[in-house]
Amino acid sequence: MAEKYELKTKEVWDGNTAASHALRQAQVDVVSAYPITPSTPIVEGYAKFKSDNYVEGEFVMVESEHAAMSGCIGAAAAGGRVATATSSQGFALMVETLYQSSGMRLPLVLNVVNRALAAPLNVNGDTLICTLDVILVGFNLMLIVHKMLMI
């Protein structure tokens, strides 16, 4: 059984730290990830929680973002609560499998720490634009399932 994590009186977190704590609190079953800056601290934080016995879930380090999402798809299809984290070029590599997870209606948490794909020519976070259709389909399906469960 996982040990209880005690928060200090005051802690200052950035977004990545908050995301890793959210994964800890959600008690995900599988985190399948490949580290890519600037999202690396999310999976590092979860791995630290795992090594300190604050979570019981599995942490799977894979060889690419394509493999990370494939691992999430397999774990979600088996009924697990799954999550991953990525950014920019890693997210672009993950696109092929995003359509599979969306088409299979699999619930998963995808933390995207956005940065420009075309740096240094582009300083805008343009990663989400390329897969907005997959995200909207997945989000709409989550809302539908949530409403069905509320009935």
C-alpha atoms as a PDB file:
ATOM      1  CA  MET A   1       0.000   0.000   0.000  1.00  0.00           C
ATOM      2  CA  ALA A   2       1.242   3.484  -0.847  1.00  0.00           C
ATOM      3  CA  GLU A   3       2.355   5.757   1.929  1.00  0.00           C
ATOM      4  CA  LYS A   4       0.482   8.987   2.632  1.00  0.00           C
ATOM      5  CA  TYR A   5       2.121  12.093   1.187  1.00  0.00           C
ATOM      6  CA  GLU A   6       2.152  14.990   3.630  1.00  0.00           C
ATOM      7  CA  LEU A   7       2.238  18.508   2.190  1.00  0.00           C
ATOM      8  CA  LYS A   8       4.364  21.115   3.908  1.00  0.00           C
ATOM      9  CA  THR A   9       2.664  24.195   5.329  1.00  0.00           C
ATOM     10  CA  LYS A  10       3.619  26.197   2.249  1.00  0.00           C
ATOM     11  CA  GLU A  11       4.958  24.902  -1.043  1.00  0.00           C
ATOM     12  CA  VAL A  12       5.619  26.732  -4.281  1.00  0.00           C
ATOM     13  CA  TRP A  13       4.891  24.660  -7.384  1.00  0.00           C
ATOM     14  CA  ASP A  14       5.259  25.264 -11.073  1.00  0.00           C
ATOM     15  CA  GLY A  15       2.827  23.690 -13.543  1.00  0.00           C
ATOM     16  CA  ASN A  16       4.911  20.531 -13.964  1.00  0.00           C
ATOM     17  CA  THR A  17       5.076  19.926 -10.225  1.00  0.00           C
ATOM     18  CA  ALA A  18       1.327  20.465  -9.935  1.00  0.00           C
ATOM     19  CA  ALA A  19       0.759  17.957 -12.765  1.00  0.00           C
ATOM     20  CA  SER A  20       2.934  15.308 -11.101  1.00  0.00           C
ATOM     21  CA  HIS A  21       1.053  15.828  -7.819  1.00  0.00           C
ATOM     22  CA  ALA A  22      -2.235  15.480  -9.713  1.00  0.00           C
ATOM     23  CA  LEU A  23      -1.058  12.119 -11.078  1.00  0.00           C
ATOM     24  CA  ARG A  24      -0.125  11.089  -7.537  1.00  0.00           C
ATOM     25  CA  GLN A  25      -3.513  12.120  -6.167  1.00  0.00           C
ATOM     26  CA  ALA A  26      -5.387  10.427  -9.013  1.00  0.00           C
ATOM     27  CA  GLN A  27      -3.531   7.182  -8.243  1.00  0.00           C
ATOM     28  CA  VAL A  28      -3.039   6.336 -11.913  1.00  0.00           C
ATOM     29  CA  ASP A  29      -2.241   2.717 -12.709  1.00  0.00           C
ATOM     30  CA  VAL A  30       0.274   3.348 -15.512  1.00  0.00           C
ATOM     31  CA  VAL A  31       2.383   6.331 -16.546  1.00  0.00           C
ATOM     32  CA  SER A  32       4.035   5.555 -19.871  1.00  0.00           C
ATOM     33  CA  ALA A  33       6.373   8.339 -20.950  1.00  0.00           C
ATOM     34  CA  TYR A  34       9.474   9.438 -22.797  1.00  0.00           C
ATOM     35  CA  PRO A  35      11.151  12.542 -21.352  1.00  0.00           C
ATOM     36  CA  ILE A  36      11.120  15.666 -23.515  1.00  0.00           C
ATOM     37  CA  THR A  37      11.788  19.219 -22.407  1.00  0.00           C
ATOM     38  CA  PRO A  38       9.857  21.080 -20.995  1.00  0.00           C
ATOM     39  CA  SER A  39       7.530  18.301 -19.760  1.00  0.00           C
ATOM     40  CA  THR A  40      10.256  16.102 -18.246  1.00  0.00           C
ATOM     41  CA  PRO A  41       9.661  17.281 -14.629  1.00  0.00           C
ATOM     42  CA  ILE A  42       6.143  15.797 -14.716  1.00  0.00           C
ATOM     43  CA  VAL A  43       7.361  12.249 -15.253  1.00  0.00           C
ATOM     44  CA  GLU A  44      10.419  12.808 -13.061  1.00  0.00           C
ATOM     45  CA  GLY A  45       8.112  13.888 -10.245  1.00  0.00           C
ATOM     46  CA  TYR A  46       5.895  10.844 -10.702  1.00  0.00           C
ATOM     47  CA  ALA A  47       8.951   8.568 -10.819  1.00  0.00           C
ATOM     48  CA  LYS A  48      10.131  10.097  -7.531  1.00  0.00           C
ATOM     49  CA  PHE A  49       6.716   9.457  -5.970  1.00  0.00           C
ATOM     50  CA  LYS A  50       6.990   5.866  -7.195  1.00  0.00           C
ATOM     51  CA  SER A  51      10.493   5.386  -5.785  1.00  0.00           C
ATOM     52  CA  ASP A  52       9.425   6.921  -2.453  1.00  0.00           C
ATOM     53  CA  ASN A  53       6.421   4.552  -2.339  1.00  0.00           C
ATOM     54  CA  TYR A  54       3.792   7.319  -2.487  1.00  0.00           C
ATOM     55  CA  VAL A  55       2.084   5.695  -5.494  1.00  0.00           C
ATOM     56  CA  GLU A  56       1.396   2.098  -6.441  1.00  0.00           C
ATOM     57  CA  GLY A  57       1.118   2.659 -10.185  1.00  0.00           C
ATOM     58  CA  GLU A  58       3.655   1.522 -12.740  1.00  0.00           C
ATOM     59  CA  PHE A  59       6.079   3.908 -14.405  1.00  0.00           C
ATOM     60  CA  VAL A  60       7.117   2.729 -17.885  1.00  0.00           C
ATOM     61  CA  MET A  61       9.985   4.554 -19.602  1.00  0.00           C
ATOM     62  CA  VAL A  62       9.749   3.951 -23.342  1.00  0.00           C
ATOM     63  CA  GLU A  63      11.846   4.777 -26.413  1.00  0.00           C
ATOM     64  CA  SER A  64       9.630   7.467 -27.980  1.00  0.00           C
ATOM     65  CA  GLU A  65       6.377   9.380 -27.626  1.00  0.00           C
ATOM     66  CA  HIS A  66       4.782   7.046 -30.159  1.00  0.00           C
ATOM     67  CA  ALA A  67       5.593   4.158 -27.826  1.00  0.00           C
ATOM     68  CA  ALA A  68       4.437   6.174 -24.792  1.00  0.00           C
ATOM     69  CA  MET A  69       0.959   6.666 -26.232  1.00  0.00           C
ATOM     70  CA  SER A  70       0.904   3.059 -27.462  1.00  0.00           C
ATOM     71  CA  GLY A  71       1.639   1.956 -23.896  1.00  0.00           C
ATOM     72  CA  CYS A  72      -1.164   4.163 -22.617  1.00  0.00           C
ATOM     73  CA  ILE A  73      -3.548   2.742 -25.210  1.00  0.00           C
ATOM     74  CA  GLY A  74      -2.741  -0.822 -24.172  1.00  0.00           C
ATOM     75  CA  ALA A  75      -3.075  -0.079 -20.468  1.00  0.00           C
ATOM     76  CA  ALA A  76      -6.328   1.857 -20.953  1.00  0.00           C
ATOM     77  CA  ALA A  77      -7.757  -0.922 -23.132  1.00  0.00           C
ATOM     78  CA  ALA A  78      -6.984  -3.330 -20.283  1.00  0.00           C
ATOM     79  CA  GLY A  79      -8.980  -1.101 -17.917  1.00  0.00           C
ATOM     80  CA  GLY A  80      -6.194   0.898 -16.320  1.00  0.00           C
ATOM     81  CA  ARG A  81      -6.165   4.549 -15.352  1.00  0.00           C
ATOM     82  CA  VAL A  82      -3.336   5.900 -17.485  1.00  0.00           C
ATOM     83  CA  ALA A  83      -1.379   9.086 -18.120  1.00  0.00           C
ATOM     84  CA  THR A  84       1.559  10.464 -20.065  1.00  0.00           C
ATOM     85  CA  ALA A  85       3.289  13.798 -20.619  1.00  0.00           C
ATOM     86  CA  THR A  86       4.884  15.340 -23.689  1.00  0.00           C
ATOM     87  CA  SER A  87       5.489  18.550 -25.594  1.00  0.00           C
ATOM     88  CA  SER A  88       6.045  19.951 -29.090  1.00  0.00           C
ATOM     89  CA  GLN A  89       7.900  17.524 -31.380  1.00  0.00           C
ATOM     90  CA  GLY A  90       7.043  14.631 -29.090  1.00  0.00           C
ATOM     91  CA  PHE A  91       3.378  15.509 -29.360  1.00  0.00           C
ATOM     92  CA  ALA A  92       3.713  15.637 -33.151  1.00  0.00           C
ATOM     93  CA  LEU A  93       5.246  12.139 -33.073  1.00  0.00           C
ATOM     94  CA  MET A  94       2.340  10.980 -30.916  1.00  0.00           C
ATOM     95  CA  VAL A  95      -0.324  12.154 -33.388  1.00  0.00           C
ATOM     96  CA  GLU A  96      -0.662   8.835 -35.207  1.00  0.00           C
ATOM     97  CA  THR A  97      -1.612   7.000 -32.044  1.00  0.00           C
ATOM     98  CA  LEU A  98      -3.863   9.801 -30.772  1.00  0.00           C
ATOM     99  CA  TYR A  99      -6.345   8.920 -33.505  1.00  0.00           C
ATOM    100  CA  GLN A 100      -6.321   5.308 -32.299  1.00  0.00           C
ATOM    101  CA  SER A 101      -6.997   6.234 -28.685  1.00  0.00           C
ATOM    102  CA  SER A 102      -9.742   8.630 -29.703  1.00  0.00           C
ATOM    103  CA  GLY A 103     -11.307   6.104 -32.080  1.00  0.00           C
ATOM    104  CA  MET A 104     -11.252   3.406 -29.410  1.00  0.00           C
ATOM    105  CA  ARG A 105     -12.858   5.867 -26.933  1.00  0.00           C
ATOM    106  CA  LEU A 106     -10.145   5.225 -24.348  1.00  0.00           C
ATOM    107  CA  PRO A 107      -9.903   7.554 -21.362  1.00  0.00           C
ATOM    108  CA  LEU A 108      -6.395   8.821 -20.639  1.00  0.00           C
ATOM    109  CA  VAL A 109      -4.625  11.851 -19.268  1.00  0.00           C
ATOM    110  CA  LEU A 110      -2.275  13.606 -21.676  1.00  0.00           C
ATOM    111  CA  ASN A 111      -0.244  16.418 -20.120  1.00  0.00           C
ATOM    112  CA  VAL A 112       0.986  18.685 -22.927  1.00  0.00           C
ATOM    113  CA  VAL A 113       3.557  21.305 -21.990  1.00  0.00           C
ATOM    114  CA  ASN A 114       3.439  23.426 -25.098  1.00  0.00           C
ATOM    115  CA  ARG A 115       6.283  25.055 -26.988  1.00  0.00           C
ATOM    116  CA  ALA A 116       6.782  26.034 -30.611  1.00  0.00           C
ATOM    117  CA  LEU A 117       7.334  23.325 -33.201  1.00  0.00           C
ATOM    118  CA  ALA A 118       9.226  25.611 -35.558  1.00  0.00           C
ATOM    119  CA  ALA A 119      11.649  27.236 -33.112  1.00  0.00           C
ATOM    120  CA  PRO A 120      13.495  29.600 -33.410  1.00  0.00           C
ATOM    121  CA  LEU A 121      11.326  30.893 -36.244  1.00  0.00           C
ATOM    122  CA  ASN A 122       8.167  30.664 -34.174  1.00  0.00           C
ATOM    123  CA  VAL A 123       7.753  31.731 -30.555  1.00  0.00           C
ATOM    124  CA  ASN A 124       4.066  30.802 -30.346  1.00  0.00           C
ATOM    125  CA  GLY A 125       2.824  27.546 -28.886  1.00  0.00           C
ATOM    126  CA  ASP A 126       1.556  25.950 -32.091  1.00  0.00           C
ATOM    127  CA  THR A 127       1.554  22.276 -31.098  1.00  0.00           C
ATOM    128  CA  LEU A 128      -2.117  21.947 -30.189  1.00  0.00           C
ATOM    129  CA  ILE A 129      -3.359  23.418 -33.443  1.00  0.00           C
ATOM    130  CA  CYS A 130      -2.235  20.376 -35.455  1.00  0.00           C
ATOM    131  CA  THR A 131      -4.354  17.923 -33.428  1.00  0.00           C
ATOM    132  CA  LEU A 132      -7.263  20.054 -32.337  1.00  0.00           C
ATOM    133  CA  ASP A 133      -9.726  17.717 -34.075  1.00  0.00           C
ATOM    134  CA  VAL A 134      -8.562  14.692 -32.042  1.00  0.00           C
ATOM    135  CA  ILE A 135      -8.662  16.637 -28.804  1.00  0.00           C
ATOM    136  CA  LEU A 136     -12.153  17.990 -29.458  1.00  0.00           C
ATOM    137  CA  VAL A 137     -13.493  14.548 -30.395  1.00  0.00           C
ATOM    138  CA  GLY A 138     -11.975  13.069 -27.237  1.00  0.00           C
ATOM    139  CA  PHE A 139     -13.237  15.929 -25.060  1.00  0.00           C
ATOM    140  CA  ASN A 140     -16.764  15.681 -26.480  1.00  0.00           C
ATOM    141  CA  LEU A 141     -16.769  11.940 -25.847  1.00  0.00           C
ATOM    142  CA  MET A 142     -15.643  12.516 -22.254  1.00  0.00           C
ATOM    143  CA  LEU A 143     -18.502  14.966 -21.730  1.00  0.00           C
ATOM    144  CA  ILE A 144     -20.996  12.496 -23.182  1.00  0.00           C
ATOM    145  CA  VAL A 145     -19.729   9.651 -20.984  1.00  0.00           C
ATOM    146  CA  HIS A 146     -19.739  11.927 -17.930  1.00  0.00           C
ATOM    147  CA  LYS A 147     -23.367  12.925 -18.600  1.00  0.00           C
ATOM    148  CA  MET A 148     -24.323   9.272 -19.074  1.00  0.00           C
ATOM    149  CA  LEU A 149     -22.743   8.382 -15.725  1.00  0.00           C
ATOM    150  CA  MET A 150     -24.561  11.223 -13.996  1.00  0.00           C
ATOM    151  CA  ILE A 151     -27.978   9.902 -15.065  1.00  0.00           C
END
